[in-house]
Amino acid sequence: MIKVTRGLRSVLKTVSVCAVLAAPLAACGPLQMPLEDRTGNDQWVDTQIKSGILGEFTKVDHTYLMDVNIDIWKQEVMVTGLVDSKGKYFDVISLIKQDDRIKAVHDHLVVADEETIQAYHQAEDEYGKNAVPADSATQSVSDTWIESQIKALLLAEKGVSSVNYRWQSVKNIVYIMGEAQSDAELEKVLSIVRRIKGVSRVVSHVKVA
């Protein structure tokens, strides 16, 4: 069985999961966050969908909360992460597809052996969020570090609304979804992500408004 405690990345993800699960209890109607280019209703439905999925994960297998990433934008779900069996893979996807409000599922969940997954998480813990990648070609760049770079660079870039994007880096492949206001903004975002050290490939599900 894969260990649940996996350093800073797992702690941060657990906090995020708790926040999402608590959100529907903290409000009694659609949320309105005008900075995002989603309506208040879209935000509310997305939050309900995600909290429902994570709730099912806690009932079935709590390791899914650590190994599987769920990102949602306007009822489209992006699934990333690593699981150690085909049974778990089909289990996760079937739990997600139970919600008929979901319009599309972008499936990037990878099946790998337990040893590979353990090594991956150990490397993530070793390099950590704030570790600057070495120039050594043999050293992997932390996915957590890549994700933090995306956040910082998109936040600082003029003409980019970073709140409209969701992203995950898994084994140095970046998966991104959301909404750009123009083709120029989308190209700028993808160009920024591709230039980050360690990123081997970018898979985009971003739509242009």
N, C-alpha and C. Protein backbone atom coordinates (compact mmCIF):
# COMPACT_ATOMS: atom_id res chain seq x y z
N MET A 1 0.85 -1.20 0.00
CA MET A 1 0.00 0.00 0.00
C MET A 1 0.88 1.24 0.00
N ILE A 2 0.53 2.23 -0.76
CA ILE A 2 1.29 3.47 -0.86
C ILE A 2 1.09 4.28 0.42
N LYS A 3 2.16 4.84 0.95
CA LYS A 3 2.07 5.64 2.15
C LYS A 3 1.28 6.91 1.89
N VAL A 4 0.53 7.34 2.89
CA VAL A 4 -0.29 8.54 2.73
C VAL A 4 0.53 9.79 3.00
N THR A 5 1.48 9.70 3.95
CA THR A 5 2.29 10.87 4.30
C THR A 5 3.39 11.04 3.27
N ARG A 6 3.36 12.15 2.53
CA ARG A 6 4.32 12.36 1.44
C ARG A 6 4.84 13.77 1.45
N GLY A 7 5.19 14.30 2.60
CA GLY A 7 5.87 15.58 2.68
C GLY A 7 4.97 16.76 2.41
N LEU A 8 5.61 17.88 2.06
CA LEU A 8 4.92 19.15 1.90
C LEU A 8 3.84 19.10 0.85
N ARG A 9 4.09 18.45 -0.27
CA ARG A 9 3.10 18.39 -1.35
C ARG A 9 1.80 17.78 -0.86
N SER A 10 1.91 16.70 -0.07
CA SER A 10 0.71 16.04 0.44
C SER A 10 -0.01 16.90 1.47
N VAL A 11 0.76 17.59 2.31
CA VAL A 11 0.15 18.45 3.32
C VAL A 11 -0.65 19.56 2.65
N LEU A 12 -0.05 20.20 1.65
CA LEU A 12 -0.74 21.27 0.94
C LEU A 12 -1.98 20.75 0.23
N LYS A 13 -1.89 19.55 -0.34
CA LYS A 13 -3.04 19.00 -1.04
C LYS A 13 -4.16 18.65 -0.07
N THR A 14 -3.79 18.14 1.11
CA THR A 14 -4.80 17.80 2.11
C THR A 14 -5.54 19.04 2.57
N VAL A 15 -4.81 20.13 2.79
CA VAL A 15 -5.44 21.39 3.18
C VAL A 15 -6.42 21.85 2.11
N SER A 16 -6.00 21.72 0.85
CA SER A 16 -6.86 22.12 -0.27
C SER A 16 -8.12 21.27 -0.32
N VAL A 17 -7.96 19.96 -0.11
CA VAL A 17 -9.11 19.06 -0.12
C VAL A 17 -10.09 19.43 0.97
N CYS A 18 -9.59 19.70 2.16
CA CYS A 18 -10.46 20.08 3.28
C CYS A 18 -11.22 21.36 2.97
N ALA A 19 -10.55 22.31 2.34
CA ALA A 19 -11.20 23.57 2.01
C ALA A 19 -12.33 23.36 1.02
N VAL A 20 -12.11 22.50 0.03
CA VAL A 20 -13.13 22.25 -0.98
C VAL A 20 -14.33 21.53 -0.35
N LEU A 21 -14.05 20.55 0.50
CA LEU A 21 -15.13 19.82 1.14
C LEU A 21 -15.95 20.71 2.06
N ALA A 22 -15.30 21.71 2.65
CA ALA A 22 -15.98 22.59 3.59
C ALA A 22 -16.77 23.68 2.88
N ALA A 23 -16.41 24.01 1.64
CA ALA A 23 -17.02 25.14 0.94
C ALA A 23 -18.53 25.08 0.85
N PRO A 24 -19.12 23.93 0.45
CA PRO A 24 -20.58 23.91 0.35
C PRO A 24 -21.27 24.13 1.68
N LEU A 25 -20.58 23.79 2.78
CA LEU A 25 -21.16 23.96 4.10
C LEU A 25 -21.06 25.40 4.57
N ALA A 26 -20.16 26.14 3.98
CA ALA A 26 -19.93 27.51 4.43
C ALA A 26 -20.78 28.52 3.68
N ALA A 27 -21.50 28.06 2.67
CA ALA A 27 -22.32 28.98 1.88
C ALA A 27 -23.68 28.36 1.63
N CYS A 28 -24.66 29.19 1.36
CA CYS A 28 -26.00 28.66 1.16
C CYS A 28 -26.52 28.95 -0.23
N GLY A 29 -25.66 29.34 -1.12
CA GLY A 29 -26.08 29.61 -2.49
C GLY A 29 -24.88 29.81 -3.36
N PRO A 30 -25.09 30.11 -4.66
CA PRO A 30 -24.00 30.29 -5.60
C PRO A 30 -22.99 31.34 -5.13
N LEU A 31 -21.71 31.03 -5.32
CA LEU A 31 -20.64 31.95 -4.95
C LEU A 31 -20.38 32.90 -6.11
N GLN A 32 -20.01 34.13 -5.79
CA GLN A 32 -19.69 35.09 -6.85
C GLN A 32 -18.28 35.60 -6.65
N MET A 33 -17.40 35.25 -7.56
CA MET A 33 -16.03 35.71 -7.54
C MET A 33 -15.77 36.43 -8.85
N PRO A 34 -16.00 37.71 -8.93
CA PRO A 34 -15.98 38.43 -10.19
C PRO A 34 -14.63 38.42 -10.90
N LEU A 35 -13.54 38.09 -10.20
CA LEU A 35 -12.24 38.07 -10.85
C LEU A 35 -12.15 36.95 -11.88
N GLU A 36 -12.87 35.88 -11.67
CA GLU A 36 -12.86 34.77 -12.61
C GLU A 36 -13.86 34.99 -13.73
N ASP A 37 -13.55 34.43 -14.88
CA ASP A 37 -14.49 34.52 -16.00
C ASP A 37 -15.41 33.30 -16.01
N ARG A 38 -15.95 33.01 -14.82
CA ARG A 38 -17.02 32.04 -14.67
C ARG A 38 -18.15 32.74 -13.95
N THR A 39 -19.37 32.39 -14.29
CA THR A 39 -20.50 32.95 -13.55
C THR A 39 -20.49 32.40 -12.13
N GLY A 40 -21.21 33.07 -11.24
CA GLY A 40 -21.32 32.58 -9.88
C GLY A 40 -21.91 31.17 -9.85
N ASN A 41 -22.86 30.91 -10.75
CA ASN A 41 -23.48 29.58 -10.79
C ASN A 41 -22.48 28.52 -11.23
N ASP A 42 -21.66 28.85 -12.25
CA ASP A 42 -20.63 27.90 -12.69
C ASP A 42 -19.67 27.57 -11.55
N GLN A 43 -19.25 28.60 -10.83
CA GLN A 43 -18.33 28.37 -9.72
C GLN A 43 -18.97 27.48 -8.65
N TRP A 44 -20.22 27.75 -8.37
CA TRP A 44 -20.93 26.98 -7.35
C TRP A 44 -21.08 25.52 -7.77
N VAL A 45 -21.50 25.29 -9.02
CA VAL A 45 -21.67 23.92 -9.50
C VAL A 45 -20.33 23.19 -9.54
N ASP A 46 -19.27 23.86 -10.02
CA ASP A 46 -17.94 23.25 -10.05
C ASP A 46 -17.50 22.83 -8.65
N THR A 47 -17.75 23.70 -7.66
CA THR A 47 -17.38 23.39 -6.29
C THR A 47 -18.15 22.19 -5.77
N GLN A 48 -19.45 22.13 -6.09
CA GLN A 48 -20.27 20.99 -5.67
C GLN A 48 -19.78 19.69 -6.30
N ILE A 49 -19.44 19.75 -7.59
CA ILE A 49 -18.95 18.56 -8.28
C ILE A 49 -17.65 18.06 -7.63
N LYS A 50 -16.73 18.99 -7.40
CA LYS A 50 -15.44 18.58 -6.84
C LYS A 50 -15.59 18.03 -5.43
N SER A 51 -16.38 18.71 -4.61
CA SER A 51 -16.56 18.22 -3.24
C SER A 51 -17.24 16.86 -3.24
N GLY A 52 -18.15 16.63 -4.19
CA GLY A 52 -18.79 15.33 -4.30
C GLY A 52 -17.81 14.23 -4.67
N ILE A 53 -16.94 14.51 -5.63
CA ILE A 53 -15.93 13.53 -6.05
C ILE A 53 -14.99 13.22 -4.90
N LEU A 54 -14.49 14.25 -4.24
CA LEU A 54 -13.55 14.04 -3.13
C LEU A 54 -14.23 13.30 -1.97
N GLY A 55 -15.51 13.59 -1.78
CA GLY A 55 -16.25 12.88 -0.75
C GLY A 55 -16.33 11.39 -1.04
N GLU A 56 -16.56 11.05 -2.32
CA GLU A 56 -16.59 9.64 -2.72
C GLU A 56 -15.21 8.99 -2.54
N PHE A 57 -14.15 9.75 -2.84
CA PHE A 57 -12.80 9.23 -2.65
C PHE A 57 -12.57 8.84 -1.19
N THR A 58 -13.02 9.69 -0.26
CA THR A 58 -12.80 9.41 1.17
C THR A 58 -13.55 8.14 1.59
N LYS A 59 -14.68 7.87 0.96
CA LYS A 59 -15.45 6.68 1.31
C LYS A 59 -14.81 5.41 0.76
N VAL A 60 -14.24 5.50 -0.44
CA VAL A 60 -13.77 4.30 -1.14
C VAL A 60 -12.31 3.99 -0.84
N ASP A 61 -11.44 4.98 -0.98
CA ASP A 61 -10.00 4.77 -0.77
C ASP A 61 -9.35 6.12 -0.54
N HIS A 62 -8.93 6.37 0.70
CA HIS A 62 -8.40 7.69 1.02
C HIS A 62 -7.10 8.02 0.30
N THR A 63 -6.40 7.00 -0.23
CA THR A 63 -5.17 7.29 -0.96
C THR A 63 -5.46 8.04 -2.26
N TYR A 64 -6.71 7.94 -2.76
CA TYR A 64 -7.06 8.69 -3.97
C TYR A 64 -6.91 10.19 -3.74
N LEU A 65 -7.14 10.64 -2.49
CA LEU A 65 -7.01 12.06 -2.19
C LEU A 65 -5.59 12.55 -2.39
N MET A 66 -4.61 11.66 -2.23
CA MET A 66 -3.20 12.03 -2.36
C MET A 66 -2.67 11.78 -3.77
N ASP A 67 -3.19 10.76 -4.42
CA ASP A 67 -2.61 10.32 -5.69
C ASP A 67 -3.32 10.86 -6.93
N VAL A 68 -4.54 11.37 -6.76
CA VAL A 68 -5.34 11.79 -7.91
C VAL A 68 -5.67 13.28 -7.78
N ASN A 69 -5.44 14.03 -8.85
CA ASN A 69 -5.75 15.46 -8.89
C ASN A 69 -7.03 15.68 -9.68
N ILE A 70 -7.95 16.45 -9.12
CA ILE A 70 -9.20 16.78 -9.78
C ILE A 70 -9.26 18.29 -9.98
N ASP A 71 -9.32 18.74 -11.23
CA ASP A 71 -9.46 20.16 -11.54
C ASP A 71 -10.71 20.32 -12.40
N ILE A 72 -11.47 21.38 -12.12
CA ILE A 72 -12.75 21.57 -12.81
C ILE A 72 -12.89 23.01 -13.29
N TRP A 73 -13.37 23.15 -14.51
CA TRP A 73 -13.68 24.47 -15.06
C TRP A 73 -14.95 24.34 -15.90
N LYS A 74 -16.00 25.02 -15.46
CA LYS A 74 -17.29 25.03 -16.15
C LYS A 74 -17.77 23.61 -16.45
N GLN A 75 -17.74 22.80 -15.42
CA GLN A 75 -18.22 21.42 -15.43
C GLN A 75 -17.42 20.46 -16.31
N GLU A 76 -16.24 20.88 -16.74
CA GLU A 76 -15.32 19.96 -17.38
C GLU A 76 -14.26 19.56 -16.35
N VAL A 77 -13.98 18.27 -16.27
CA VAL A 77 -13.08 17.74 -15.24
C VAL A 77 -11.78 17.28 -15.88
N MET A 78 -10.67 17.68 -15.30
CA MET A 78 -9.35 17.21 -15.71
C MET A 78 -8.80 16.32 -14.60
N VAL A 79 -8.48 15.09 -14.95
CA VAL A 79 -7.99 14.11 -13.98
C VAL A 79 -6.53 13.81 -14.26
N THR A 80 -5.67 13.99 -13.26
CA THR A 80 -4.25 13.68 -13.40
C THR A 80 -3.79 12.93 -12.17
N GLY A 81 -2.60 12.35 -12.25
CA GLY A 81 -2.04 11.66 -11.10
C GLY A 81 -1.57 10.27 -11.46
N LEU A 82 -1.20 9.51 -10.42
CA LEU A 82 -0.67 8.16 -10.59
C LEU A 82 -1.40 7.20 -9.66
N VAL A 83 -1.84 6.07 -10.18
CA VAL A 83 -2.39 5.01 -9.34
C VAL A 83 -1.67 3.70 -9.67
N ASP A 84 -1.68 2.77 -8.70
CA ASP A 84 -0.83 1.59 -8.85
C ASP A 84 -1.55 0.34 -9.38
N SER A 85 -2.74 0.49 -9.94
CA SER A 85 -3.40 -0.67 -10.55
C SER A 85 -4.49 -0.21 -11.51
N LYS A 86 -4.81 -1.06 -12.46
CA LYS A 86 -5.90 -0.75 -13.39
C LYS A 86 -7.23 -0.71 -12.66
N GLY A 87 -7.34 -1.53 -11.61
CA GLY A 87 -8.57 -1.53 -10.82
C GLY A 87 -8.83 -0.17 -10.20
N LYS A 88 -7.78 0.44 -9.65
CA LYS A 88 -7.92 1.77 -9.06
C LYS A 88 -8.23 2.81 -10.14
N TYR A 89 -7.60 2.65 -11.29
CA TYR A 89 -7.85 3.58 -12.38
C TYR A 89 -9.34 3.58 -12.75
N PHE A 90 -9.89 2.39 -13.01
CA PHE A 90 -11.30 2.30 -13.39
C PHE A 90 -12.22 2.74 -12.26
N ASP A 91 -11.80 2.48 -11.03
CA ASP A 91 -12.57 2.89 -9.86
C ASP A 91 -12.68 4.41 -9.82
N VAL A 92 -11.55 5.09 -9.97
CA VAL A 92 -11.52 6.55 -9.92
C VAL A 92 -12.38 7.15 -11.03
N ILE A 93 -12.19 6.67 -12.25
CA ILE A 93 -12.94 7.23 -13.39
C ILE A 93 -14.44 6.99 -13.23
N SER A 94 -14.81 5.83 -12.73
CA SER A 94 -16.24 5.55 -12.55
C SER A 94 -16.85 6.42 -11.47
N LEU A 95 -16.09 6.70 -10.40
CA LEU A 95 -16.60 7.58 -9.34
C LEU A 95 -16.83 8.99 -9.88
N ILE A 96 -15.92 9.44 -10.74
CA ILE A 96 -16.05 10.78 -11.32
C ILE A 96 -17.28 10.87 -12.23
N LYS A 97 -17.46 9.86 -13.04
CA LYS A 97 -18.52 9.91 -14.06
C LYS A 97 -19.92 9.70 -13.48
N GLN A 98 -20.02 9.47 -12.19
CA GLN A 98 -21.34 9.33 -11.57
C GLN A 98 -22.13 10.63 -11.60
N ASP A 99 -21.44 11.75 -11.64
CA ASP A 99 -22.12 13.05 -11.60
C ASP A 99 -22.52 13.46 -13.02
N ASP A 100 -23.83 13.49 -13.27
CA ASP A 100 -24.29 13.77 -14.63
C ASP A 100 -24.22 15.25 -15.01
N ARG A 101 -23.76 16.10 -14.08
CA ARG A 101 -23.57 17.51 -14.42
C ARG A 101 -22.26 17.73 -15.17
N ILE A 102 -21.38 16.75 -15.14
CA ILE A 102 -20.09 16.87 -15.80
C ILE A 102 -20.26 16.79 -17.32
N LYS A 103 -19.71 17.78 -18.02
CA LYS A 103 -19.85 17.86 -19.47
C LYS A 103 -18.77 17.08 -20.22
N ALA A 104 -17.57 17.00 -19.63
CA ALA A 104 -16.47 16.29 -20.28
C ALA A 104 -15.45 15.90 -19.22
N VAL A 105 -14.76 14.78 -19.46
CA VAL A 105 -13.68 14.33 -18.58
C VAL A 105 -12.41 14.23 -19.40
N HIS A 106 -11.40 15.00 -19.02
CA HIS A 106 -10.09 14.95 -19.67
C HIS A 106 -9.21 14.03 -18.82
N ASP A 107 -9.08 12.81 -19.28
CA ASP A 107 -8.47 11.74 -18.49
C ASP A 107 -6.97 11.63 -18.76
N HIS A 108 -6.17 12.00 -17.75
CA HIS A 108 -4.71 11.85 -17.84
C HIS A 108 -4.18 11.07 -16.64
N LEU A 109 -5.02 10.23 -16.07
CA LEU A 109 -4.62 9.40 -14.94
C LEU A 109 -3.75 8.25 -15.45
N VAL A 110 -2.60 8.05 -14.83
CA VAL A 110 -1.62 7.08 -15.29
C VAL A 110 -1.53 5.90 -14.32
N VAL A 111 -1.48 4.71 -14.88
CA VAL A 111 -1.26 3.50 -14.08
C VAL A 111 0.23 3.18 -14.07
N ALA A 112 0.82 3.08 -12.89
CA ALA A 112 2.24 2.76 -12.76
C ALA A 112 2.40 1.77 -11.61
N ASP A 113 3.52 1.06 -11.59
CA ASP A 113 3.72 0.11 -10.50
C ASP A 113 4.03 0.86 -9.20
N GLU A 114 3.81 0.19 -8.09
CA GLU A 114 3.95 0.83 -6.77
C GLU A 114 5.36 1.38 -6.55
N GLU A 115 6.36 0.65 -7.02
CA GLU A 115 7.75 1.10 -6.84
C GLU A 115 7.98 2.43 -7.55
N THR A 116 7.47 2.55 -8.77
CA THR A 116 7.62 3.79 -9.53
C THR A 116 6.94 4.96 -8.81
N ILE A 117 5.74 4.71 -8.29
CA ILE A 117 5.01 5.76 -7.60
C ILE A 117 5.72 6.17 -6.31
N GLN A 118 6.24 5.20 -5.58
CA GLN A 118 6.98 5.50 -4.36
C GLN A 118 8.20 6.35 -4.67
N ALA A 119 8.93 5.97 -5.73
CA ALA A 119 10.13 6.72 -6.11
C ALA A 119 9.77 8.14 -6.52
N TYR A 120 8.65 8.29 -7.21
CA TYR A 120 8.20 9.61 -7.64
C TYR A 120 7.91 10.50 -6.44
N HIS A 121 7.16 9.98 -5.47
CA HIS A 121 6.82 10.79 -4.30
C HIS A 121 8.05 11.09 -3.44
N GLN A 122 8.98 10.15 -3.35
CA GLN A 122 10.20 10.39 -2.60
C GLN A 122 11.02 11.51 -3.23
N ALA A 123 11.07 11.52 -4.57
CA ALA A 123 11.80 12.58 -5.27
C ALA A 123 11.12 13.93 -5.04
N GLU A 124 9.79 13.94 -5.07
CA GLU A 124 9.06 15.19 -4.81
C GLU A 124 9.35 15.72 -3.42
N ASP A 125 9.37 14.82 -2.44
CA ASP A 125 9.65 15.22 -1.06
C ASP A 125 11.09 15.73 -0.93
N GLU A 126 12.01 15.09 -1.64
CA GLU A 126 13.42 15.45 -1.54
C GLU A 126 13.69 16.85 -2.11
N TYR A 127 13.16 17.13 -3.29
CA TYR A 127 13.46 18.40 -3.93
C TYR A 127 12.61 19.53 -3.36
N GLY A 128 11.38 19.22 -3.00
CA GLY A 128 10.55 20.18 -2.29
C GLY A 128 10.09 21.36 -3.13
N LYS A 129 9.17 22.10 -2.57
CA LYS A 129 8.55 23.21 -3.29
C LYS A 129 9.53 24.33 -3.62
N ASN A 130 10.45 24.63 -2.69
CA ASN A 130 11.31 25.79 -2.85
C ASN A 130 12.71 25.46 -3.36
N ALA A 131 12.95 24.20 -3.66
CA ALA A 131 14.27 23.81 -4.14
C ALA A 131 14.48 24.28 -5.57
N VAL A 132 15.57 24.97 -5.82
CA VAL A 132 15.90 25.40 -7.17
C VAL A 132 16.52 24.21 -7.91
N PRO A 133 16.00 23.83 -9.05
CA PRO A 133 16.54 22.67 -9.76
C PRO A 133 18.01 22.84 -10.11
N ALA A 134 18.77 21.78 -9.94
CA ALA A 134 20.19 21.81 -10.30
C ALA A 134 20.33 21.70 -11.81
N ASP A 135 21.50 22.02 -12.31
CA ASP A 135 21.74 21.94 -13.75
C ASP A 135 22.04 20.52 -14.20
N SER A 136 22.19 19.61 -13.24
CA SER A 136 22.52 18.24 -13.58
C SER A 136 21.43 17.62 -14.44
N ALA A 137 21.82 17.01 -15.53
CA ALA A 137 20.84 16.39 -16.44
C ALA A 137 20.20 15.17 -15.80
N THR A 138 20.84 14.64 -14.74
CA THR A 138 20.33 13.43 -14.10
C THR A 138 19.32 13.74 -13.01
N GLN A 139 19.19 14.99 -12.61
CA GLN A 139 18.27 15.34 -11.54
C GLN A 139 16.92 15.76 -12.09
N SER A 140 15.88 15.12 -11.62
CA SER A 140 14.55 15.49 -12.04
C SER A 140 14.14 16.79 -11.38
N VAL A 141 13.35 17.57 -12.07
CA VAL A 141 12.83 18.81 -11.51
C VAL A 141 11.52 18.49 -10.80
N SER A 142 11.36 19.02 -9.62
CA SER A 142 10.16 18.76 -8.83
C SER A 142 8.91 19.28 -9.53
N ASP A 143 7.87 18.46 -9.58
CA ASP A 143 6.58 18.92 -10.12
C ASP A 143 6.01 20.04 -9.27
N THR A 144 6.21 19.94 -7.96
CA THR A 144 5.72 21.00 -7.07
C THR A 144 6.40 22.31 -7.39
N TRP A 145 7.69 22.26 -7.69
CA TRP A 145 8.44 23.47 -8.05
C TRP A 145 7.91 24.03 -9.36
N ILE A 146 7.66 23.15 -10.34
CA ILE A 146 7.13 23.61 -11.62
C ILE A 146 5.79 24.30 -11.42
N GLU A 147 4.91 23.70 -10.63
CA GLU A 147 3.59 24.29 -10.38
C GLU A 147 3.70 25.66 -9.71
N SER A 148 4.65 25.79 -8.79
CA SER A 148 4.83 27.09 -8.12
C SER A 148 5.36 28.14 -9.09
N GLN A 149 6.20 27.71 -10.04
CA GLN A 149 6.70 28.64 -11.05
C GLN A 149 5.58 29.10 -11.98
N ILE A 150 4.73 28.17 -12.38
CA ILE A 150 3.59 28.55 -13.23
C ILE A 150 2.74 29.60 -12.53
N LYS A 151 2.44 29.36 -11.26
CA LYS A 151 1.61 30.29 -10.50
C LYS A 151 2.24 31.68 -10.45
N ALA A 152 3.54 31.72 -10.12
CA ALA A 152 4.22 33.01 -9.99
C ALA A 152 4.32 33.75 -11.32
N LEU A 153 4.66 33.02 -12.38
CA LEU A 153 4.87 33.66 -13.68
C LEU A 153 3.56 34.15 -14.30
N LEU A 154 2.50 33.35 -14.19
CA LEU A 154 1.21 33.78 -14.75
C LEU A 154 0.63 34.93 -13.96
N LEU A 155 0.83 34.91 -12.65
CA LEU A 155 0.33 35.99 -11.81
C LEU A 155 1.01 37.32 -12.16
N ALA A 156 2.28 37.25 -12.52
CA ALA A 156 3.05 38.46 -12.79
C ALA A 156 2.91 38.95 -14.23
N GLU A 157 2.37 38.12 -15.11
CA GLU A 157 2.32 38.46 -16.53
C GLU A 157 1.15 39.39 -16.85
N LYS A 158 1.44 40.51 -17.48
CA LYS A 158 0.38 41.43 -17.90
C LYS A 158 -0.45 40.81 -19.02
N GLY A 159 -1.73 41.04 -18.98
CA GLY A 159 -2.60 40.51 -20.02
C GLY A 159 -3.00 39.07 -19.83
N VAL A 160 -2.67 38.50 -18.65
CA VAL A 160 -3.04 37.12 -18.34
C VAL A 160 -3.82 37.10 -17.03
N SER A 161 -5.01 36.53 -17.05
CA SER A 161 -5.80 36.37 -15.83
C SER A 161 -5.56 34.97 -15.29
N SER A 162 -4.60 34.84 -14.40
CA SER A 162 -4.18 33.52 -13.91
C SER A 162 -5.31 32.79 -13.19
N VAL A 163 -6.29 33.53 -12.65
CA VAL A 163 -7.39 32.88 -11.93
C VAL A 163 -8.27 32.04 -12.85
N ASN A 164 -8.12 32.23 -14.16
CA ASN A 164 -8.93 31.49 -15.11
C ASN A 164 -8.28 30.19 -15.57
N TYR A 165 -7.19 29.80 -14.92
CA TYR A 165 -6.47 28.60 -15.34
C TYR A 165 -6.29 27.64 -14.18
N ARG A 166 -6.28 26.36 -14.50
CA ARG A 166 -5.99 25.29 -13.55
C ARG A 166 -4.88 24.45 -14.16
N TRP A 167 -3.92 24.03 -13.36
CA TRP A 167 -2.82 23.26 -13.91
C TRP A 167 -2.29 22.24 -12.91
N GLN A 168 -1.69 21.19 -13.45
CA GLN A 168 -1.01 20.17 -12.67
C GLN A 168 0.22 19.73 -13.45
N SER A 169 1.30 19.46 -12.72
CA SER A 169 2.49 18.88 -13.33
C SER A 169 2.68 17.48 -12.77
N VAL A 170 2.76 16.49 -13.67
CA VAL A 170 2.95 15.11 -13.26
C VAL A 170 4.11 14.53 -14.06
N LYS A 171 5.18 14.20 -13.36
CA LYS A 171 6.39 13.68 -14.01
C LYS A 171 6.86 14.64 -15.10
N ASN A 172 6.78 15.93 -14.79
CA ASN A 172 7.27 17.03 -15.63
C ASN A 172 6.43 17.29 -16.88
N ILE A 173 5.27 16.65 -16.99
CA ILE A 173 4.30 16.99 -18.03
C ILE A 173 3.26 17.89 -17.39
N VAL A 174 3.02 19.06 -17.98
CA VAL A 174 2.06 20.01 -17.44
C VAL A 174 0.74 19.87 -18.17
N TYR A 175 -0.32 19.70 -17.39
CA TYR A 175 -1.68 19.64 -17.91
C TYR A 175 -2.39 20.91 -17.45
N ILE A 176 -3.01 21.61 -18.37
CA ILE A 176 -3.61 22.90 -18.05
C ILE A 176 -5.00 23.03 -18.68
N MET A 177 -5.91 23.65 -17.94
CA MET A 177 -7.25 23.87 -18.46
C MET A 177 -7.72 25.25 -18.00
N GLY A 178 -8.85 25.68 -18.54
CA GLY A 178 -9.40 26.97 -18.16
C GLY A 178 -9.89 27.73 -19.38
N GLU A 179 -9.76 29.06 -19.30
CA GLU A 179 -10.32 29.90 -20.36
C GLU A 179 -9.45 31.12 -20.61
N ALA A 180 -9.05 31.31 -21.86
CA ALA A 180 -8.30 32.50 -22.26
C ALA A 180 -9.24 33.48 -22.94
N GLN A 181 -8.95 34.74 -22.79
CA GLN A 181 -9.81 35.76 -23.40
C GLN A 181 -9.50 35.99 -24.88
N SER A 182 -8.38 35.45 -25.35
CA SER A 182 -8.01 35.61 -26.76
C SER A 182 -6.98 34.55 -27.13
N ASP A 183 -6.81 34.36 -28.43
CA ASP A 183 -5.76 33.44 -28.90
C ASP A 183 -4.39 33.93 -28.45
N ALA A 184 -4.20 35.25 -28.42
CA ALA A 184 -2.91 35.82 -28.01
C ALA A 184 -2.61 35.50 -26.55
N GLU A 185 -3.64 35.59 -25.70
CA GLU A 185 -3.43 35.26 -24.28
C GLU A 185 -3.08 33.79 -24.11
N LEU A 186 -3.79 32.94 -24.83
CA LEU A 186 -3.52 31.50 -24.73
C LEU A 186 -2.10 31.18 -25.17
N GLU A 187 -1.68 31.75 -26.28
CA GLU A 187 -0.32 31.50 -26.76
C GLU A 187 0.72 32.00 -25.76
N LYS A 188 0.44 33.14 -25.14
CA LYS A 188 1.36 33.68 -24.14
C LYS A 188 1.48 32.74 -22.95
N VAL A 189 0.34 32.22 -22.48
CA VAL A 189 0.33 31.31 -21.34
C VAL A 189 1.10 30.04 -21.65
N LEU A 190 0.81 29.44 -22.79
CA LEU A 190 1.48 28.19 -23.15
C LEU A 190 2.97 28.40 -23.36
N SER A 191 3.34 29.54 -23.92
CA SER A 191 4.75 29.85 -24.12
C SER A 191 5.49 29.97 -22.79
N ILE A 192 4.86 30.63 -21.83
CA ILE A 192 5.45 30.79 -20.50
C ILE A 192 5.67 29.42 -19.86
N VAL A 193 4.67 28.57 -19.92
CA VAL A 193 4.76 27.26 -19.27
C VAL A 193 5.82 26.41 -19.94
N ARG A 194 5.87 26.44 -21.26
CA ARG A 194 6.84 25.61 -21.98
C ARG A 194 8.28 26.00 -21.65
N ARG A 195 8.51 27.26 -21.33
CA ARG A 195 9.88 27.74 -21.08
C ARG A 195 10.37 27.43 -19.67
N ILE A 196 9.50 26.97 -18.80
CA ILE A 196 9.92 26.68 -17.42
C ILE A 196 10.85 25.48 -17.40
N LYS A 197 11.91 25.60 -16.64
CA LYS A 197 12.92 24.54 -16.56
C LYS A 197 12.27 23.23 -16.12
N GLY A 198 12.58 22.18 -16.85
CA GLY A 198 12.10 20.86 -16.47
C GLY A 198 10.83 20.42 -17.15
N VAL A 199 10.05 21.34 -17.70
CA VAL A 199 8.80 20.98 -18.35
C VAL A 199 9.11 20.24 -19.65
N SER A 200 8.64 19.01 -19.76
CA SER A 200 8.94 18.20 -20.94
C SER A 200 7.85 18.33 -22.00
N ARG A 201 6.61 18.60 -21.55
CA ARG A 201 5.50 18.69 -22.50
C ARG A 201 4.35 19.43 -21.84
N VAL A 202 3.53 20.10 -22.66
CA VAL A 202 2.35 20.79 -22.16
C VAL A 202 1.13 20.25 -22.88
N VAL A 203 0.15 19.81 -22.12
CA VAL A 203 -1.12 19.32 -22.67
C VAL A 203 -2.19 20.33 -22.28
N SER A 204 -2.79 20.97 -23.28
CA SER A 204 -3.73 22.06 -23.01
C SER A 204 -5.17 21.67 -23.32
N HIS A 205 -6.04 22.00 -22.36
CA HIS A 205 -7.49 21.90 -22.55
C HIS A 205 -8.12 23.29 -22.38
N VAL A 206 -7.31 24.32 -22.57
CA VAL A 206 -7.77 25.69 -22.41
C VAL A 206 -8.62 26.08 -23.61
N LYS A 207 -9.75 26.72 -23.34
CA LYS A 207 -10.63 27.21 -24.40
C LYS A 207 -10.51 28.73 -24.50
N VAL A 208 -10.77 29.25 -25.67
CA VAL A 208 -10.74 30.69 -25.88
C VAL A 208 -12.17 31.20 -25.83
N ALA A 209 -12.39 32.24 -25.04
CA ALA A 209 -13.74 32.79 -24.85
C ALA A 209 -14.28 33.37 -26.15
